[in-house]
């Protein structure tokens, strides 16, 4: 498990790890333990909507269009 002591909401370092709230994202070796400065920051983090977690058809369309573009990868 990886650990981060930078609060993702405030971007401040968390130093009192024994008393700091945290969440664990993921499982096993790929899991990450994220510490927060405050319980409110942890709640705000958990309530945040994930960007791109909905319908990805628009993004997939962009990638499909680029794959069909003869200039993809060109520096000209």
PDB file of N, CA and C in Angstrom:
ATOM      1  N   UNK A   1       0.844  -1.175   0.000  1.00  0.00           N
ATOM      2  CA  UNK A   1       0.000   0.000   0.000  1.00  0.00           C
ATOM      3  C   UNK A   1       0.890   1.238   0.000  1.00  0.00           C
ATOM      4  N   UNK A   2       0.524   2.177  -0.857  1.00  0.00           N
ATOM      5  CA  UNK A   2       1.222   3.459  -0.878  1.00  0.00           C
ATOM      6  C   UNK A   2       0.526   4.407   0.094  1.00  0.00           C
ATOM      7  N   UNK A   3       1.238   5.430   0.524  1.00  0.00           N
ATOM      8  CA  UNK A   3       0.699   6.409   1.467  1.00  0.00           C
ATOM      9  C   UNK A   3       1.044   7.802   0.983  1.00  0.00           C
ATOM     10  N   UNK A   4       0.062   8.706   1.084  1.00  0.00           N
ATOM     11  CA  UNK A   4       0.350  10.114   0.806  1.00  0.00           C
ATOM     12  C   UNK A   4      -0.069  10.938   2.011  1.00  0.00           C
ATOM     13  N   UNK A   5       0.806  11.838   2.403  1.00  0.00           N
ATOM     14  CA  UNK A   5       0.537  12.697   3.558  1.00  0.00           C
ATOM     15  C   UNK A   5       0.252  14.133   3.129  1.00  0.00           C
ATOM     16  N   UNK A   6       0.016  14.323   1.835  1.00  0.00           N
ATOM     17  CA  UNK A   6      -0.404  15.633   1.331  1.00  0.00           C
ATOM     18  C   UNK A   6      -1.913  15.620   1.195  1.00  0.00           C
ATOM     19  N   UNK A   7      -2.582  16.455   1.968  1.00  0.00           N
ATOM     20  CA  UNK A   7      -4.036  16.555   1.900  1.00  0.00           C
ATOM     21  C   UNK A   7      -4.415  17.018   0.496  1.00  0.00           C
ATOM     22  N   UNK A   8      -5.177  16.212  -0.278  1.00  0.00           N
ATOM     23  CA  UNK A   8      -5.493  16.589  -1.654  1.00  0.00           C
ATOM     24  C   UNK A   8      -6.445  17.777  -1.763  1.00  0.00           C
ATOM     25  N   UNK A   9      -7.082  18.150  -0.676  1.00  0.00           N
ATOM     26  CA  UNK A   9      -8.009  19.278  -0.704  1.00  0.00           C
ATOM     27  C   UNK A   9      -7.293  20.598  -0.421  1.00  0.00           C
ATOM     28  N   UNK A  10      -6.357  20.593   0.518  1.00  0.00           N
ATOM     29  CA  UNK A  10      -5.661  21.827   0.885  1.00  0.00           C
ATOM     30  C   UNK A  10      -4.251  21.889   0.306  1.00  0.00           C
ATOM     31  N   UNK A  11      -3.738  20.736  -0.105  1.00  0.00           N
ATOM     32  CA  UNK A  11      -2.362  20.575  -0.598  1.00  0.00           C
ATOM     33  C   UNK A  11      -1.312  20.855   0.474  1.00  0.00           C
ATOM     34  N   UNK A  12      -1.734  20.795   1.737  1.00  0.00           N
ATOM     35  CA  UNK A  12      -0.805  20.951   2.862  1.00  0.00           C
ATOM     36  C   UNK A  12      -0.340  19.583   3.327  1.00  0.00           C
ATOM     37  N   UNK A  13       0.877  19.541   3.882  1.00  0.00           N
ATOM     38  CA  UNK A  13       1.387  18.300   4.450  1.00  0.00           C
ATOM     39  C   UNK A  13       0.686  18.014   5.774  1.00  0.00           C
ATOM     40  N   UNK A  14       0.314  16.768   5.973  1.00  0.00           N
ATOM     41  CA  UNK A  14      -0.301  16.322   7.222  1.00  0.00           C
ATOM     42  C   UNK A  14       0.807  15.703   8.065  1.00  0.00           C
ATOM     43  N   UNK A  15       0.986  16.196   9.285  1.00  0.00           N
ATOM     44  CA  UNK A  15       2.096  15.732  10.109  1.00  0.00           C
ATOM     45  C   UNK A  15       1.653  14.835  11.265  1.00  0.00           C
ATOM     46  N   UNK A  16       0.448  15.035  11.787  1.00  0.00           N
ATOM     47  CA  UNK A  16      -0.033  14.247  12.929  1.00  0.00           C
ATOM     48  C   UNK A  16      -0.816  13.039  12.407  1.00  0.00           C
ATOM     49  N   UNK A  17      -0.091  12.058  11.852  1.00  0.00           N
ATOM     50  CA  UNK A  17      -0.730  10.920  11.201  1.00  0.00           C
ATOM     51  C   UNK A  17      -1.504  10.031  12.166  1.00  0.00           C
ATOM     52  N   UNK A  18      -1.133  10.032  13.437  1.00  0.00           N
ATOM     53  CA  UNK A  18      -1.850   9.211  14.417  1.00  0.00           C
ATOM     54  C   UNK A  18      -3.279   9.701  14.635  1.00  0.00           C
ATOM     55  N   UNK A  19      -3.522  10.987  14.425  1.00  0.00           N
ATOM     56  CA  UNK A  19      -4.846  11.563  14.673  1.00  0.00           C
ATOM     57  C   UNK A  19      -5.542  12.073  13.419  1.00  0.00           C
ATOM     58  N   UNK A  20      -4.889  12.001  12.295  1.00  0.00           N
ATOM     59  CA  UNK A  20      -5.446  12.546  11.058  1.00  0.00           C
ATOM     60  C   UNK A  20      -6.450  11.578  10.433  1.00  0.00           C
ATOM     61  N   UNK A  21      -7.557  12.111   9.900  1.00  0.00           N
ATOM     62  CA  UNK A  21      -8.489  11.249   9.167  1.00  0.00           C
ATOM     63  C   UNK A  21      -7.860  10.816   7.846  1.00  0.00           C
ATOM     64  N   UNK A  22      -8.318   9.699   7.324  1.00  0.00           N
ATOM     65  CA  UNK A  22      -7.765   9.193   6.070  1.00  0.00           C
ATOM     66  C   UNK A  22      -8.804   8.353   5.341  1.00  0.00           C
ATOM     67  N   UNK A  23      -8.541   8.062   4.087  1.00  0.00           N
ATOM     68  CA  UNK A  23      -9.307   7.087   3.311  1.00  0.00           C
ATOM     69  C   UNK A  23      -8.303   6.176   2.625  1.00  0.00           C
ATOM     70  N   UNK A  24      -8.754   4.987   2.304  1.00  0.00           N
ATOM     71  CA  UNK A  24      -7.951   4.053   1.531  1.00  0.00           C
ATOM     72  C   UNK A  24      -8.662   3.835   0.207  1.00  0.00           C
ATOM     73  N   UNK A  25      -7.987   4.179  -0.880  1.00  0.00           N
ATOM     74  CA  UNK A  25      -8.531   4.011  -2.228  1.00  0.00           C
ATOM     75  C   UNK A  25      -7.861   2.799  -2.849  1.00  0.00           C
ATOM     76  N   UNK A  26      -8.639   1.891  -3.408  1.00  0.00           N
ATOM     77  CA  UNK A  26      -8.084   0.729  -4.069  1.00  0.00           C
ATOM     78  C   UNK A  26      -7.880  -0.423  -3.103  1.00  0.00           C
ATOM     79  N   UNK A  27      -7.240  -1.461  -3.640  1.00  0.00           N
ATOM     80  CA  UNK A  27      -7.028  -2.667  -2.852  1.00  0.00           C
ATOM     81  C   UNK A  27      -5.624  -3.219  -3.078  1.00  0.00           C
ATOM     82  N   UNK A  28      -5.159  -3.986  -2.116  1.00  0.00           N
ATOM     83  CA  UNK A  28      -3.885  -4.679  -2.243  1.00  0.00           C
ATOM     84  C   UNK A  28      -2.701  -3.746  -2.398  1.00  0.00           C
ATOM     85  N   UNK A  29      -1.718  -4.198  -3.198  1.00  0.00           N
ATOM     86  CA  UNK A  29      -0.491  -3.424  -3.402  1.00  0.00           C
ATOM     87  C   UNK A  29      -0.748  -2.103  -4.118  1.00  0.00           C
ATOM     88  N   UNK A  30      -1.834  -2.015  -4.864  1.00  0.00           N
ATOM     89  CA  UNK A  30      -2.147  -0.803  -5.617  1.00  0.00           C
ATOM     90  C   UNK A  30      -2.950   0.210  -4.802  1.00  0.00           C
ATOM     91  N   UNK A  31      -3.320  -0.137  -3.581  1.00  0.00           N
ATOM     92  CA  UNK A  31      -4.100   0.768  -2.736  1.00  0.00           C
ATOM     93  C   UNK A  31      -3.256   1.969  -2.330  1.00  0.00           C
ATOM     94  N   UNK A  32      -3.953   3.060  -2.021  1.00  0.00           N
ATOM     95  CA  UNK A  32      -3.272   4.254  -1.528  1.00  0.00           C
ATOM     96  C   UNK A  32      -4.036   4.786  -0.318  1.00  0.00           C
ATOM     97  N   UNK A  33      -3.299   5.081   0.734  1.00  0.00           N
ATOM     98  CA  UNK A  33      -3.859   5.663   1.954  1.00  0.00           C
ATOM     99  C   UNK A  33      -3.627   7.161   1.877  1.00  0.00           C
ATOM    100  N   UNK A  34      -4.718   7.919   1.921  1.00  0.00           N
ATOM    101  CA  UNK A  34      -4.663   9.371   1.764  1.00  0.00           C
ATOM    102  C   UNK A  34      -5.034  10.026   3.086  1.00  0.00           C
ATOM    103  N   UNK A  35      -4.122  10.806   3.624  1.00  0.00           N
ATOM    104  CA  UNK A  35      -4.373  11.515   4.881  1.00  0.00           C
ATOM    105  C   UNK A  35      -4.921  12.919   4.605  1.00  0.00           C
ATOM    106  N   UNK A  36      -5.734  13.404   5.558  1.00  0.00           N
ATOM    107  CA  UNK A  36      -6.361  14.721   5.463  1.00  0.00           C
ATOM    108  C   UNK A  36      -6.071  15.540   6.713  1.00  0.00           C
ATOM    109  N   UNK A  37      -6.039  16.850   6.534  1.00  0.00           N
ATOM    110  CA  UNK A  37      -5.840  17.759   7.671  1.00  0.00           C
ATOM    111  C   UNK A  37      -7.039  17.778   8.603  1.00  0.00           C
ATOM    112  N   UNK A  38      -8.218  17.602   8.040  1.00  0.00           N
ATOM    113  CA  UNK A  38      -9.437  17.691   8.842  1.00  0.00           C
ATOM    114  C   UNK A  38     -10.477  16.694   8.339  1.00  0.00           C
ATOM    115  N   UNK A  39     -11.427  16.410   9.211  1.00  0.00           N
ATOM    116  CA  UNK A  39     -12.537  15.537   8.825  1.00  0.00           C
ATOM    117  C   UNK A  39     -13.359  16.183   7.715  1.00  0.00           C
ATOM    118  N   UNK A  40     -13.489  17.513   7.745  1.00  0.00           N
ATOM    119  CA  UNK A  40     -14.255  18.200   6.696  1.00  0.00           C
ATOM    120  C   UNK A  40     -13.593  18.019   5.330  1.00  0.00           C
ATOM    121  N   UNK A  41     -12.277  18.089   5.277  1.00  0.00           N
ATOM    122  CA  UNK A  41     -11.583  17.864   4.006  1.00  0.00           C
ATOM    123  C   UNK A  41     -11.810  16.440   3.512  1.00  0.00           C
ATOM    124  N   UNK A  42     -11.819  15.480   4.427  1.00  0.00           N
ATOM    125  CA  UNK A  42     -12.069  14.085   4.046  1.00  0.00           C
ATOM    126  C   UNK A  42     -13.485  13.927   3.490  1.00  0.00           C
ATOM    127  N   UNK A  43     -14.459  14.540   4.154  1.00  0.00           N
ATOM    128  CA  UNK A  43     -15.852  14.476   3.696  1.00  0.00           C
ATOM    129  C   UNK A  43     -15.985  15.140   2.329  1.00  0.00           C
ATOM    130  N   UNK A  44     -15.381  16.304   2.161  1.00  0.00           N
ATOM    131  CA  UNK A  44     -15.432  17.006   0.875  1.00  0.00           C
ATOM    132  C   UNK A  44     -14.819  16.154  -0.234  1.00  0.00           C
ATOM    133  N   UNK A  45     -13.727  15.482   0.071  1.00  0.00           N
ATOM    134  CA  UNK A  45     -13.068  14.607  -0.904  1.00  0.00           C
ATOM    135  C   UNK A  45     -13.994  13.463  -1.302  1.00  0.00           C
ATOM    136  N   UNK A  46     -14.619  12.828  -0.326  1.00  0.00           N
ATOM    137  CA  UNK A  46     -15.492  11.697  -0.600  1.00  0.00           C
ATOM    138  C   UNK A  46     -16.749  12.100  -1.358  1.00  0.00           C
ATOM    139  N   UNK A  47     -17.196  13.351  -1.193  1.00  0.00           N
ATOM    140  CA  UNK A  47     -18.403  13.824  -1.870  1.00  0.00           C
ATOM    141  C   UNK A  47     -18.126  14.379  -3.271  1.00  0.00           C
ATOM    142  N   UNK A  48     -16.861  14.513  -3.616  1.00  0.00           N
ATOM    143  CA  UNK A  48     -16.486  15.079  -4.906  1.00  0.00           C
ATOM    144  C   UNK A  48     -16.874  14.125  -6.037  1.00  0.00           C
ATOM    145  N   UNK A  49     -17.511  14.655  -7.071  1.00  0.00           N
ATOM    146  CA  UNK A  49     -17.868  13.842  -8.226  1.00  0.00           C
ATOM    147  C   UNK A  49     -16.613  13.587  -9.054  1.00  0.00           C
ATOM    148  N   UNK A  50     -16.429  12.342  -9.456  1.00  0.00           N
ATOM    149  CA  UNK A  50     -15.266  12.003 -10.260  1.00  0.00           C
ATOM    150  C   UNK A  50     -15.414  12.550 -11.668  1.00  0.00           C
ATOM    151  N   UNK A  51     -14.421  13.249 -12.133  1.00  0.00           N
ATOM    152  CA  UNK A  51     -14.433  13.788 -13.482  1.00  0.00           C
ATOM    153  C   UNK A  51     -14.303  12.646 -14.470  1.00  0.00           C
ATOM    154  N   UNK A  52     -15.206  12.616 -15.442  1.00  0.00           N
ATOM    155  CA  UNK A  52     -15.135  11.593 -16.471  1.00  0.00           C
ATOM    156  C   UNK A  52     -15.682  10.253 -16.051  1.00  0.00           C
ATOM    157  N   UNK A  53     -16.383  10.195 -14.927  1.00  0.00           N
ATOM    158  CA  UNK A  53     -16.894   8.909 -14.479  1.00  0.00           C
ATOM    159  C   UNK A  53     -18.208   8.552 -15.159  1.00  0.00           C
ATOM    160  N   UNK A  54     -18.769   9.490 -15.908  1.00  0.00           N
ATOM    161  CA  UNK A  54     -20.032   9.235 -16.597  1.00  0.00           C
ATOM    162  C   UNK A  54     -19.798   8.698 -18.000  1.00  0.00           C
ATOM    163  N   UNK A  55     -20.632   9.125 -18.908  1.00  0.00           N
ATOM    164  CA  UNK A  55     -20.570   8.674 -20.295  1.00  0.00           C
ATOM    165  C   UNK A  55     -19.319   9.215 -20.973  1.00  0.00           C
ATOM    166  N   UNK A  56     -18.502   8.327 -21.505  1.00  0.00           N
ATOM    167  CA  UNK A  56     -17.248   8.723 -22.147  1.00  0.00           C
ATOM    168  C   UNK A  56     -17.348   8.722 -23.667  1.00  0.00           C
ATOM    169  N   UNK A  57     -18.562   8.691 -24.228  1.00  0.00           N
ATOM    170  CA  UNK A  57     -18.699   8.607 -25.678  1.00  0.00           C
ATOM    171  C   UNK A  57     -18.067   9.804 -26.381  1.00  0.00           C
ATOM    172  N   UNK A  58     -18.171  10.990 -25.806  1.00  0.00           N
ATOM    173  CA  UNK A  58     -17.560  12.175 -26.413  1.00  0.00           C
ATOM    174  C   UNK A  58     -16.048  12.059 -26.486  1.00  0.00           C
ATOM    175  N   UNK A  59     -15.451  11.623 -25.401  1.00  0.00           N
ATOM    176  CA  UNK A  59     -13.996  11.457 -25.363  1.00  0.00           C
ATOM    177  C   UNK A  59     -13.571  10.346 -26.314  1.00  0.00           C
ATOM    178  N   UNK A  60     -14.304   9.261 -26.333  1.00  0.00           N
ATOM    179  CA  UNK A  60     -13.988   8.167 -27.259  1.00  0.00           C
ATOM    180  C   UNK A  60     -14.086   8.643 -28.703  1.00  0.00           C
ATOM    181  N   UNK A  61     -15.057   9.510 -28.986  1.00  0.00           N
ATOM    182  CA  UNK A  61     -15.196  10.057 -30.336  1.00  0.00           C
ATOM    183  C   UNK A  61     -13.981  10.871 -30.752  1.00  0.00           C
ATOM    184  N   UNK A  62     -13.419  11.624 -29.819  1.00  0.00           N
ATOM    185  CA  UNK A  62     -12.221  12.417 -30.114  1.00  0.00           C
ATOM    186  C   UNK A  62     -11.052  11.490 -30.452  1.00  0.00           C
ATOM    187  N   UNK A  63     -10.865  10.452 -29.663  1.00  0.00           N
ATOM    188  CA  UNK A  63      -9.775   9.508 -29.939  1.00  0.00           C
ATOM    189  C   UNK A  63      -9.986   8.793 -31.265  1.00  0.00           C
ATOM    190  N   UNK A  64     -11.228   8.418 -31.583  1.00  0.00           N
ATOM    191  CA  UNK A  64     -11.515   7.751 -32.855  1.00  0.00           C
ATOM    192  C   UNK A  64     -11.209   8.676 -34.028  1.00  0.00           C
ATOM    193  N   UNK A  65     -11.593   9.957 -33.892  1.00  0.00           N
ATOM    194  CA  UNK A  65     -11.338  10.915 -34.965  1.00  0.00           C
ATOM    195  C   UNK A  65      -9.837  11.105 -35.176  1.00  0.00           C
ATOM    196  N   UNK A  66      -9.078  11.164 -34.104  1.00  0.00           N
ATOM    197  CA  UNK A  66      -7.627  11.336 -34.230  1.00  0.00           C
ATOM    198  C   UNK A  66      -6.980  10.098 -34.842  1.00  0.00           C
ATOM    199  N   UNK A  67      -7.506   8.918 -34.513  1.00  0.00           N
ATOM    200  CA  UNK A  67      -6.944   7.686 -35.066  1.00  0.00           C
ATOM    201  C   UNK A  67      -7.146   7.634 -36.569  1.00  0.00           C
ATOM    202  N   UNK A  68      -8.220   8.237 -37.072  1.00  0.00           N
ATOM    203  CA  UNK A  68      -8.520   8.246 -38.515  1.00  0.00           C
ATOM    204  C   UNK A  68      -7.891   9.434 -39.236  1.00  0.00           C
ATOM    205  N   UNK A  69      -7.264  10.339 -38.494  1.00  0.00           N
ATOM    206  CA  UNK A  69      -6.691  11.547 -39.073  1.00  0.00           C
ATOM    207  C   UNK A  69      -5.316  11.232 -39.650  1.00  0.00           C
ATOM    208  N   UNK A  70      -5.081  11.529 -40.954  1.00  0.00           N
ATOM    209  CA  UNK A  70      -3.774  11.205 -41.555  1.00  0.00           C
ATOM    210  C   UNK A  70      -2.626  12.027 -40.970  1.00  0.00           C
ATOM    211  N   UNK A  71      -2.939  13.128 -40.284  1.00  0.00           N
ATOM    212  CA  UNK A  71      -1.889  13.981 -39.707  1.00  0.00           C
ATOM    213  C   UNK A  71      -1.527  13.613 -38.268  1.00  0.00           C
ATOM    214  N   UNK A  72      -2.173  12.624 -37.696  1.00  0.00           N
ATOM    215  CA  UNK A  72      -1.889  12.245 -36.315  1.00  0.00           C
ATOM    216  C   UNK A  72      -0.419  11.856 -36.183  1.00  0.00           C
ATOM    217  N   UNK A  73       0.232  12.478 -35.248  1.00  0.00           N
ATOM    218  CA  UNK A  73       1.643  12.192 -35.020  1.00  0.00           C
ATOM    219  C   UNK A  73       2.574  13.023 -35.876  1.00  0.00           C
ATOM    220  N   UNK A  74       2.023  13.819 -36.770  1.00  0.00           N
ATOM    221  CA  UNK A  74       2.843  14.638 -37.643  1.00  0.00           C
ATOM    222  C   UNK A  74       3.320  15.889 -36.902  1.00  0.00           C
ATOM    223  N   UNK A  75       4.540  16.318 -37.201  1.00  0.00           N
ATOM    224  CA  UNK A  75       5.030  17.559 -36.617  1.00  0.00           C
ATOM    225  C   UNK A  75       4.885  18.715 -37.603  1.00  0.00           C
ATOM    226  N   UNK A  76       4.329  18.466 -38.762  1.00  0.00           N
ATOM    227  CA  UNK A  76       4.142  19.498 -39.796  1.00  0.00           C
ATOM    228  C   UNK A  76       2.873  20.254 -39.596  1.00  0.00           C
TER     229      UNK A  76
END
